[in-house]
Amino acid sequence: SPAALVMMDYTWRLAGVVEEFDRLEWNIRPSHAVSKGAVFRLPTDGKSTAEVRYSGRGADLSLGGKKLGRIDGVTRLITNKSGAPMALLGISDTPQKVTLRLTGHPARSLTITANQRISL
């Protein structure tokens, strides 16, 4: 039904991964009820699978079976379609402490505010 499709889309945009024309948006909200122990998998147009796997205070991210990294805290990671990080976006109405551990990059801890965009 259309209502069910709207609810699925809302849930993925809330705490999963969404594919846009030129990017993937990884919406990380580990403290939200929908995220508790959840795994979101999305087949992409590029014939790979994007995965968000929640545990503890964060989520592990992978694309095509390769680990992209881990994010602790509430934020949106924006990557290109190959998984290369482009930016972080603040998605909470309160400042959030975020720890970013991306494969091939040094760990980074920061505070991000609502709608703040940080280029990576």
C-alpha atoms as a PDB file:
ATOM      1  CA  SER A   1       0.000   0.000   0.000  1.00  0.00           C
ATOM      2  CA  PRO A   2       1.178   3.585  -0.479  1.00  0.00           C
ATOM      3  CA  ALA A   3       1.095   4.202   3.279  1.00  0.00           C
ATOM      4  CA  ALA A   4       3.444   1.267   3.891  1.00  0.00           C
ATOM      5  CA  LEU A   5       5.873   2.565   1.258  1.00  0.00           C
ATOM      6  CA  VAL A   6       5.885   6.011   2.864  1.00  0.00           C
ATOM      7  CA  MET A   7       6.625   4.441   6.264  1.00  0.00           C
ATOM      8  CA  MET A   8       9.494   2.366   4.831  1.00  0.00           C
ATOM      9  CA  ASP A   9      11.000   5.426   3.139  1.00  0.00           C
ATOM     10  CA  TYR A  10      10.685   7.429   6.372  1.00  0.00           C
ATOM     11  CA  THR A  11      12.436   4.702   8.389  1.00  0.00           C
ATOM     12  CA  TRP A  12      15.346   4.457   5.929  1.00  0.00           C
ATOM     13  CA  ARG A  13      15.780   8.236   5.902  1.00  0.00           C
ATOM     14  CA  LEU A  14      15.596   8.269   9.691  1.00  0.00           C
ATOM     15  CA  ALA A  15      18.206   5.625  10.512  1.00  0.00           C
ATOM     16  CA  GLY A  16      19.312   3.788   7.372  1.00  0.00           C
ATOM     17  CA  VAL A  17      21.051   4.459   4.085  1.00  0.00           C
ATOM     18  CA  VAL A  18      19.461   6.270   1.149  1.00  0.00           C
ATOM     19  CA  GLU A  19      20.717   6.351  -2.433  1.00  0.00           C
ATOM     20  CA  GLU A  20      20.433   9.652  -4.251  1.00  0.00           C
ATOM     21  CA  PHE A  21      21.438  10.418  -7.841  1.00  0.00           C
ATOM     22  CA  ASP A  22      25.130  11.042  -7.131  1.00  0.00           C
ATOM     23  CA  ARG A  23      25.655   9.907  -3.538  1.00  0.00           C
ATOM     24  CA  LEU A  24      24.770   7.679  -0.601  1.00  0.00           C
ATOM     25  CA  GLU A  25      23.442   9.223   2.609  1.00  0.00           C
ATOM     26  CA  TRP A  26      24.145   7.186   5.753  1.00  0.00           C
ATOM     27  CA  ASN A  27      21.762   8.374   8.495  1.00  0.00           C
ATOM     28  CA  ILE A  28      23.155   7.265  11.861  1.00  0.00           C
ATOM     29  CA  ARG A  29      20.880   7.503  14.922  1.00  0.00           C
ATOM     30  CA  PRO A  30      21.988   4.797  17.384  1.00  0.00           C
ATOM     31  CA  SER A  31      19.835   6.029  20.277  1.00  0.00           C
ATOM     32  CA  HIS A  32      16.562   5.902  18.324  1.00  0.00           C
ATOM     33  CA  ALA A  33      14.235   2.950  19.023  1.00  0.00           C
ATOM     34  CA  VAL A  34      14.167   1.930  15.345  1.00  0.00           C
ATOM     35  CA  SER A  35      17.970   1.461  15.435  1.00  0.00           C
ATOM     36  CA  LYS A  36      18.294  -0.922  18.396  1.00  0.00           C
ATOM     37  CA  GLY A  37      20.120  -3.962  16.990  1.00  0.00           C
ATOM     38  CA  ALA A  38      18.933  -3.061  13.489  1.00  0.00           C
ATOM     39  CA  VAL A  39      20.595  -3.855  10.185  1.00  0.00           C
ATOM     40  CA  PHE A  40      19.612  -1.852   7.105  1.00  0.00           C
ATOM     41  CA  ARG A  41      20.658  -3.222   3.687  1.00  0.00           C
ATOM     42  CA  LEU A  42      20.082  -1.371   0.438  1.00  0.00           C
ATOM     43  CA  PRO A  43      20.835  -2.785  -3.030  1.00  0.00           C
ATOM     44  CA  THR A  44      22.317   0.140  -4.971  1.00  0.00           C
ATOM     45  CA  ASP A  45      22.078   1.064  -8.629  1.00  0.00           C
ATOM     46  CA  GLY A  46      25.784   0.171  -8.843  1.00  0.00           C
ATOM     47  CA  LYS A  47      24.934  -3.484  -8.149  1.00  0.00           C
ATOM     48  CA  SER A  48      26.429  -3.520  -4.652  1.00  0.00           C
ATOM     49  CA  THR A  49      24.776  -3.530  -1.236  1.00  0.00           C
ATOM     50  CA  ALA A  50      25.065  -0.691   1.279  1.00  0.00           C
ATOM     51  CA  GLU A  51      24.716  -1.831   4.893  1.00  0.00           C
ATOM     52  CA  VAL A  52      24.277  -0.053   8.236  1.00  0.00           C
ATOM     53  CA  ARG A  53      24.668  -2.398  11.235  1.00  0.00           C
ATOM     54  CA  TYR A  54      23.868  -0.847  14.625  1.00  0.00           C
ATOM     55  CA  SER A  55      25.582  -1.874  17.855  1.00  0.00           C
ATOM     56  CA  GLY A  56      26.165   0.022  21.073  1.00  0.00           C
ATOM     57  CA  ARG A  57      26.402   3.779  20.530  1.00  0.00           C
ATOM     58  CA  GLY A  58      27.074   3.628  16.814  1.00  0.00           C
ATOM     59  CA  ALA A  59      26.931   1.760  13.542  1.00  0.00           C
ATOM     60  CA  ASP A  60      29.284  -0.117  11.235  1.00  0.00           C
ATOM     61  CA  LEU A  61      29.019   0.810   7.556  1.00  0.00           C
ATOM     62  CA  SER A  62      29.878  -1.354   4.577  1.00  0.00           C
ATOM     63  CA  LEU A  63      29.459  -1.193   0.823  1.00  0.00           C
ATOM     64  CA  GLY A  64      29.744  -4.208  -1.443  1.00  0.00           C
ATOM     65  CA  GLY A  65      30.962  -6.310   1.478  1.00  0.00           C
ATOM     66  CA  LYS A  66      33.863  -3.945   2.232  1.00  0.00           C
ATOM     67  CA  LYS A  67      33.926  -2.130   5.561  1.00  0.00           C
ATOM     68  CA  LEU A  68      33.744   1.649   5.162  1.00  0.00           C
ATOM     69  CA  GLY A  69      34.121   2.290   8.875  1.00  0.00           C
ATOM     70  CA  ARG A  70      32.194   3.038  12.037  1.00  0.00           C
ATOM     71  CA  ILE A  71      30.377   6.095  13.325  1.00  0.00           C
ATOM     72  CA  ASP A  72      29.507   6.653  16.981  1.00  0.00           C
ATOM     73  CA  GLY A  73      26.960   9.405  17.569  1.00  0.00           C
ATOM     74  CA  VAL A  74      24.128  11.010  15.594  1.00  0.00           C
ATOM     75  CA  THR A  75      25.012  12.335  12.140  1.00  0.00           C
ATOM     76  CA  ARG A  76      24.610  11.805   8.396  1.00  0.00           C
ATOM     77  CA  LEU A  77      27.652  10.677   6.434  1.00  0.00           C
ATOM     78  CA  ILE A  78      27.507  11.581   2.763  1.00  0.00           C
ATOM     79  CA  THR A  79      29.653   9.485   0.422  1.00  0.00           C
ATOM     80  CA  ASN A  80      29.959   9.157  -3.307  1.00  0.00           C
ATOM     81  CA  LYS A  81      28.511   6.003  -4.878  1.00  0.00           C
ATOM     82  CA  SER A  82      31.831   4.192  -4.307  1.00  0.00           C
ATOM     83  CA  GLY A  83      31.765   4.962  -0.579  1.00  0.00           C
ATOM     84  CA  ALA A  84      34.398   7.729  -0.533  1.00  0.00           C
ATOM     85  CA  PRO A  85      33.503  10.204   2.252  1.00  0.00           C
ATOM     86  CA  MET A  86      32.411  13.665   1.130  1.00  0.00           C
ATOM     87  CA  ALA A  87      30.770  15.319   4.153  1.00  0.00           C
ATOM     88  CA  LEU A  88      29.073  15.000   7.526  1.00  0.00           C
ATOM     89  CA  LEU A  89      25.752  16.703   8.187  1.00  0.00           C
ATOM     90  CA  GLY A  90      24.215  17.480  11.578  1.00  0.00           C
ATOM     91  CA  ILE A  91      20.781  15.835  11.791  1.00  0.00           C
ATOM     92  CA  SER A  92      19.903  16.376  15.449  1.00  0.00           C
ATOM     93  CA  ASP A  93      18.367  19.506  16.912  1.00  0.00           C
ATOM     94  CA  THR A  94      20.998  19.441  19.687  1.00  0.00           C
ATOM     95  CA  PRO A  95      24.815  19.414  19.326  1.00  0.00           C
ATOM     96  CA  GLN A  96      26.170  15.866  18.998  1.00  0.00           C
ATOM     97  CA  LYS A  97      29.541  14.359  19.826  1.00  0.00           C
ATOM     98  CA  VAL A  98      30.532  12.131  16.920  1.00  0.00           C
ATOM     99  CA  THR A  99      33.463   9.775  16.490  1.00  0.00           C
ATOM    100  CA  LEU A 100      34.278   8.895  12.911  1.00  0.00           C
ATOM    101  CA  ARG A 101      36.473   5.873  12.146  1.00  0.00           C
ATOM    102  CA  LEU A 102      36.648   5.487   8.383  1.00  0.00           C
ATOM    103  CA  THR A 103      38.808   2.880   6.699  1.00  0.00           C
ATOM    104  CA  GLY A 104      42.035   4.467   5.465  1.00  0.00           C
ATOM    105  CA  HIS A 105      41.535   7.667   7.494  1.00  0.00           C
ATOM    106  CA  PRO A 106      42.624   8.602  11.028  1.00  0.00           C
ATOM    107  CA  ALA A 107      39.922   8.478  13.713  1.00  0.00           C
ATOM    108  CA  ARG A 108      38.272  11.831  14.273  1.00  0.00           C
ATOM    109  CA  SER A 109      36.105  13.093  17.148  1.00  0.00           C
ATOM    110  CA  LEU A 110      34.058  16.247  16.755  1.00  0.00           C
ATOM    111  CA  THR A 111      30.895  18.044  17.776  1.00  0.00           C
ATOM    112  CA  ILE A 112      28.336  18.747  15.060  1.00  0.00           C
ATOM    113  CA  THR A 113      25.316  21.031  15.340  1.00  0.00           C
ATOM    114  CA  ALA A 114      21.950  20.981  13.554  1.00  0.00           C
ATOM    115  CA  ASN A 115      22.321  21.339   9.776  1.00  0.00           C
ATOM    116  CA  GLN A 116      26.077  21.928  10.063  1.00  0.00           C
ATOM    117  CA  ARG A 117      27.949  20.526   7.064  1.00  0.00           C
ATOM    118  CA  ILE A 118      31.577  19.458   7.501  1.00  0.00           C
ATOM    119  CA  SER A 119      33.556  18.585   4.370  1.00  0.00           C
ATOM    120  CA  LEU A 120      35.705  15.475   4.637  1.00  0.00           C
END
